[in-house]
């Protein structure tokens, strides 16, 4: 079932907070540099890449000398305001090293529900992708508070699935602090087994989902399953894998048994 992944042309890669930061919440430049190199190489190979990146609040925390993730909404918004520009500045620096142009797109959930805004977003993505520019997407945390207040947008998990839909992606890859979906919580049960393939997200699969694996991100397996439901329902395959190293993308796109793959509804018909 992974053979189809080899043919994926438009690919959305979502990097969770823990995949772009150190354990203390500050940005990990080594990871960001490697990510820029891998995405540029894939773009050069003929793939059309879109990056959904968390990390704005983490970047703002560092500049504002915050020792831990803020708890008050206005402090989170302030950190996002400071951090979003810093995050893009850093991305520009690393992508420029590989002669790859990137563009920023900040989204809110109402964009996907409002026909005019949705079409405007589609046109922007299309224009960037046609020019070989990699869009870098994040939620506009300064304005939209769903993710940072209610923690329900899942560290951009669901945002990445919605983005994959409007760009007409063939594949969504969510790189996080987990290797994939396990049949039990691996941090509590050493005998927990990695589920390699999911063809249907039923009650048994949902029961396997646990809480977030670290204190830095806002997502967990529950929101990743919600993203998988959304993506596969739109005919998009999805893979959950570890974001510890960005070059794992090569192995995923070669069809290797990496992480957990969720088979799209269209592929099953």
Protein backbone atom coordinates (compact mmCIF):
# COMPACT_ATOMS: atom_id res chain seq x y z
CA UNK A 1 0.00 0.00 0.00
CA UNK A 2 2.99 2.28 0.30
CA UNK A 3 3.78 2.07 -3.39
CA UNK A 4 1.41 4.95 -4.11
CA UNK A 5 3.47 7.22 -1.87
CA UNK A 6 6.37 7.00 -4.33
CA UNK A 7 4.23 8.76 -6.93
CA UNK A 8 3.17 11.64 -4.66
CA UNK A 9 3.92 14.97 -6.34
CA UNK A 10 2.39 17.60 -4.06
CA UNK A 11 3.40 16.94 -0.47
CA UNK A 12 2.52 18.83 2.70
CA UNK A 13 5.01 18.37 5.53
CA UNK A 14 3.95 19.41 9.00
CA UNK A 15 6.66 19.98 11.59
CA UNK A 16 5.44 20.00 15.18
CA UNK A 17 6.85 22.25 17.87
CA UNK A 18 9.09 19.53 19.29
CA UNK A 19 10.52 18.85 15.83
CA UNK A 20 11.87 22.40 15.43
CA UNK A 21 12.84 23.25 19.02
CA UNK A 22 15.14 22.10 21.79
CA UNK A 23 13.56 20.54 24.92
CA UNK A 24 13.65 23.97 26.58
CA UNK A 25 11.46 25.42 23.82
CA UNK A 26 14.08 27.44 21.94
CA UNK A 27 14.55 26.93 18.19
CA UNK A 28 16.90 24.13 17.13
CA UNK A 29 18.95 25.61 14.27
CA UNK A 30 20.50 22.28 13.31
CA UNK A 31 17.07 20.76 12.74
CA UNK A 32 15.83 23.81 10.84
CA UNK A 33 18.89 23.85 8.60
CA UNK A 34 18.51 20.15 7.79
CA UNK A 35 14.79 20.64 7.12
CA UNK A 36 15.54 23.44 4.66
CA UNK A 37 18.10 21.26 2.88
CA UNK A 38 15.81 18.24 2.56
CA UNK A 39 12.76 20.20 1.40
CA UNK A 40 14.85 22.11 -1.14
CA UNK A 41 16.33 18.88 -2.46
CA UNK A 42 12.88 17.34 -2.84
CA UNK A 43 11.64 20.49 -4.56
CA UNK A 44 14.63 20.31 -6.92
CA UNK A 45 13.75 16.69 -7.71
CA UNK A 46 10.40 17.79 -9.11
CA UNK A 47 8.20 17.45 -6.02
CA UNK A 48 5.96 20.35 -4.96
CA UNK A 49 6.56 20.93 -1.26
CA UNK A 50 4.47 22.83 1.30
CA UNK A 51 5.64 23.27 4.89
CA UNK A 52 3.30 23.71 7.84
CA UNK A 53 5.49 24.81 10.71
CA UNK A 54 4.92 25.38 14.39
CA UNK A 55 7.46 27.19 16.56
CA UNK A 56 6.37 30.86 16.55
CA UNK A 57 5.56 30.93 20.26
CA UNK A 58 8.80 29.09 21.04
CA UNK A 59 10.80 31.65 19.05
CA UNK A 60 9.02 34.50 20.83
CA UNK A 61 9.61 32.91 24.24
CA UNK A 62 13.35 32.97 23.66
CA UNK A 63 13.43 36.62 22.54
CA UNK A 64 11.15 37.67 25.43
CA UNK A 65 13.27 35.76 27.97
CA UNK A 66 10.39 33.52 29.02
CA UNK A 67 11.57 30.49 30.96
CA UNK A 68 8.50 28.39 30.22
CA UNK A 69 5.54 28.39 27.83
CA UNK A 70 3.19 31.19 28.93
CA UNK A 71 -0.18 30.21 30.34
CA UNK A 72 -2.14 33.44 29.84
CA UNK A 73 -3.69 33.87 26.39
CA UNK A 74 -2.42 37.42 25.88
CA UNK A 75 1.13 36.31 26.76
CA UNK A 76 0.90 33.49 24.21
CA UNK A 77 -0.32 35.96 21.60
CA UNK A 78 2.52 38.34 22.43
CA UNK A 79 5.06 35.53 22.11
CA UNK A 80 3.55 34.52 18.77
CA UNK A 81 3.66 38.13 17.57
CA UNK A 82 7.36 38.43 18.37
CA UNK A 83 8.20 34.92 17.29
CA UNK A 84 6.47 34.63 13.91
CA UNK A 85 8.72 37.19 12.26
CA UNK A 86 11.78 35.65 13.88
CA UNK A 87 10.78 32.18 12.73
CA UNK A 88 10.39 33.32 9.13
CA UNK A 89 13.65 35.26 9.28
CA UNK A 90 15.43 32.07 10.33
CA UNK A 91 13.68 30.02 7.65
CA UNK A 92 14.68 32.56 5.01
CA UNK A 93 18.28 32.36 6.20
CA UNK A 94 18.49 28.58 5.96
CA UNK A 95 16.53 28.21 2.71
CA UNK A 96 18.60 30.99 1.13
CA UNK A 97 21.69 28.85 1.77
CA UNK A 98 20.22 26.33 -0.67
CA UNK A 99 18.95 28.98 -3.12
CA UNK A 100 15.32 28.17 -2.36
CA UNK A 101 12.70 30.91 -2.10
CA UNK A 102 9.97 30.58 0.51
CA UNK A 103 6.78 32.53 1.19
CA UNK A 104 4.76 32.92 4.35
CA UNK A 105 1.03 32.17 4.60
CA UNK A 106 -0.77 32.76 7.90
CA UNK A 107 -4.18 31.13 8.11
CA UNK A 108 -7.17 31.04 10.42
CA UNK A 109 -9.90 28.41 10.41
CA UNK A 110 -12.47 30.79 8.97
CA UNK A 111 -10.41 30.92 5.75
CA UNK A 112 -11.37 27.33 5.01
CA UNK A 113 -15.08 27.99 5.64
CA UNK A 114 -15.45 31.32 3.80
CA UNK A 115 -15.66 30.76 0.02
CA UNK A 116 -13.96 34.01 -1.00
CA UNK A 117 -11.14 33.70 1.54
CA UNK A 118 -10.71 30.04 0.65
CA UNK A 119 -10.39 30.86 -3.06
CA UNK A 120 -7.93 33.64 -2.26
CA UNK A 121 -5.82 31.19 -0.27
CA UNK A 122 -5.97 28.62 -3.09
CA UNK A 123 -4.84 31.25 -5.60
CA UNK A 124 -1.93 32.32 -3.39
CA UNK A 125 -0.75 28.74 -2.89
CA UNK A 126 -1.10 28.07 -6.60
CA UNK A 127 0.92 31.13 -7.59
CA UNK A 128 3.72 30.26 -5.16
CA UNK A 129 3.87 26.58 -6.08
CA UNK A 130 3.85 27.31 -9.83
CA UNK A 131 6.91 29.51 -9.34
CA UNK A 132 8.76 26.85 -7.37
CA UNK A 133 8.38 28.77 -4.11
CA UNK A 134 7.81 26.70 -0.98
CA UNK A 135 4.87 28.06 1.08
CA UNK A 136 5.48 28.06 4.84
CA UNK A 137 2.16 27.92 6.67
CA UNK A 138 1.24 28.65 10.26
CA UNK A 139 -1.90 29.62 12.09
CA UNK A 140 -2.19 33.34 12.76
CA UNK A 141 -1.90 32.93 16.53
CA UNK A 142 -2.02 36.69 17.15
CA UNK A 143 -5.57 36.78 15.80
CA UNK A 144 -6.91 33.22 15.94
CA UNK A 145 -6.84 31.72 19.42
CA UNK A 146 -8.29 28.25 18.80
CA UNK A 147 -4.96 26.48 19.00
CA UNK A 148 -3.24 28.43 21.74
CA UNK A 149 -6.29 28.96 24.00
CA UNK A 150 -8.28 25.77 23.66
CA UNK A 151 -5.37 23.65 22.42
CA UNK A 152 -7.83 21.99 20.03
CA UNK A 153 -6.17 22.79 16.71
CA UNK A 154 -3.51 20.30 17.71
CA UNK A 155 -0.22 22.14 17.20
CA UNK A 156 -1.25 22.68 13.57
CA UNK A 157 -2.16 19.01 12.98
CA UNK A 158 -5.65 19.75 11.68
CA UNK A 159 -4.43 22.93 9.97
CA UNK A 160 -1.99 20.80 7.99
CA UNK A 161 -4.80 18.48 6.84
CA UNK A 162 -6.93 21.44 5.77
CA UNK A 163 -3.94 22.91 3.95
CA UNK A 164 -3.31 19.59 2.19
CA UNK A 165 -6.90 19.68 0.97
CA UNK A 166 -6.83 23.18 -0.53
CA UNK A 167 -3.47 22.68 -2.27
CA UNK A 168 -4.64 19.37 -3.75
CA UNK A 169 -1.88 17.39 -2.04
CA UNK A 170 -1.24 13.73 -2.73
CA UNK A 171 0.36 13.15 0.67
CA UNK A 172 0.46 14.69 4.13
CA UNK A 173 3.40 13.86 6.38
CA UNK A 174 3.17 14.82 10.05
CA UNK A 175 6.57 14.75 11.75
CA UNK A 176 6.36 14.87 15.52
CA UNK A 177 7.88 13.52 18.73
CA UNK A 178 6.36 10.08 18.17
CA UNK A 179 7.32 7.32 15.73
CA UNK A 180 3.71 6.73 14.72
CA UNK A 181 0.51 5.30 16.15
CA UNK A 182 0.93 2.56 18.74
CA UNK A 183 -1.67 0.09 20.00
CA UNK A 184 -1.02 1.42 23.51
CA UNK A 185 0.90 4.27 25.14
CA UNK A 186 4.58 3.34 24.55
CA UNK A 187 5.76 5.51 27.43
CA UNK A 188 3.66 3.44 29.83
CA UNK A 189 3.71 0.04 28.13
CA UNK A 190 7.05 -1.24 26.85
CA UNK A 191 5.23 -3.94 24.91
CA UNK A 192 3.23 -1.41 22.88
CA UNK A 193 3.47 -2.12 19.16
CA UNK A 194 3.70 0.36 16.31
CA UNK A 195 0.74 0.15 13.93
CA UNK A 196 2.24 0.34 10.43
CA UNK A 197 -0.94 0.73 8.36
CA UNK A 198 -4.40 2.07 9.16
CA UNK A 199 -7.14 1.50 6.60
CA UNK A 200 -10.02 2.57 8.85
CA UNK A 201 -10.08 4.92 11.83
CA UNK A 202 -12.51 3.01 14.05
CA UNK A 203 -13.11 2.90 17.81
CA UNK A 204 -10.15 0.56 18.35
CA UNK A 205 -7.79 2.95 16.62
CA UNK A 206 -9.19 5.89 18.59
CA UNK A 207 -8.66 4.05 21.86
CA UNK A 208 -4.98 3.70 20.98
CA UNK A 209 -4.53 7.49 20.96
CA UNK A 210 -2.93 8.93 24.06
CA UNK A 211 -1.93 12.38 25.31
CA UNK A 212 0.80 14.65 23.96
CA UNK A 213 4.27 13.17 24.29
CA UNK A 214 5.97 16.31 25.61
CA UNK A 215 5.23 19.58 27.37
CA UNK A 216 6.37 21.83 24.49
CA UNK A 217 3.78 21.03 21.84
CA UNK A 218 0.01 21.38 22.05
CA UNK A 219 -0.89 18.38 19.96
CA UNK A 220 -1.30 14.69 20.75
CA UNK A 221 -2.27 11.54 18.94
CA UNK A 222 -5.95 12.45 19.25
CA UNK A 223 -5.53 15.54 17.05
CA UNK A 224 -3.33 13.59 14.65
CA UNK A 225 -6.14 11.09 14.21
CA UNK A 226 -8.54 13.96 13.57
CA UNK A 227 -6.12 15.22 10.93
CA UNK A 228 -5.96 11.71 9.46
CA UNK A 229 -9.75 11.53 9.26
CA UNK A 230 -9.88 14.87 7.48
CA UNK A 231 -7.04 14.09 5.07
CA UNK A 232 -8.08 10.56 4.15
CA UNK A 233 -11.67 11.74 3.71
CA UNK A 234 -10.33 14.19 1.10
CA UNK A 235 -8.49 11.41 -0.72
CA UNK A 236 -5.08 12.25 0.75
CA UNK A 237 -2.79 9.61 2.26
CA UNK A 238 -1.13 10.57 5.52
CA UNK A 239 1.97 9.40 7.38
CA UNK A 240 2.89 10.03 11.01
CA UNK A 241 6.59 9.61 11.77
CA UNK A 242 9.36 10.91 14.02
CA UNK A 243 10.57 14.43 13.31
CA UNK A 244 13.91 13.93 15.00
CA UNK A 245 15.60 13.99 11.57
CA UNK A 246 14.16 15.59 8.45
CA UNK A 247 15.87 13.19 6.04
CA UNK A 248 13.38 10.54 7.13
CA UNK A 249 11.26 12.14 4.39
CA UNK A 250 13.45 10.43 1.79
CA UNK A 251 12.67 7.03 3.27
CA UNK A 252 8.96 7.79 3.50
CA UNK A 253 8.82 8.88 -0.14
CA UNK A 254 10.71 5.75 -1.17
CA UNK A 255 7.80 3.73 0.23
CA UNK A 256 9.73 2.28 3.17
CA UNK A 257 7.91 1.06 6.28
CA UNK A 258 8.41 4.25 8.26
CA UNK A 259 5.89 5.36 10.89
CA UNK A 260 2.18 4.84 10.40
CA UNK A 261 0.43 5.32 7.06
CA UNK A 262 -3.27 6.16 6.89
CA UNK A 263 -4.80 5.05 3.60
CA UNK A 264 -7.09 7.56 1.91
CA UNK A 265 -10.75 6.84 1.23
CA UNK A 266 -10.23 7.20 -2.53
CA UNK A 267 -7.38 4.70 -2.54
CA UNK A 268 -9.57 2.07 -0.86
CA UNK A 269 -12.33 2.33 -3.49
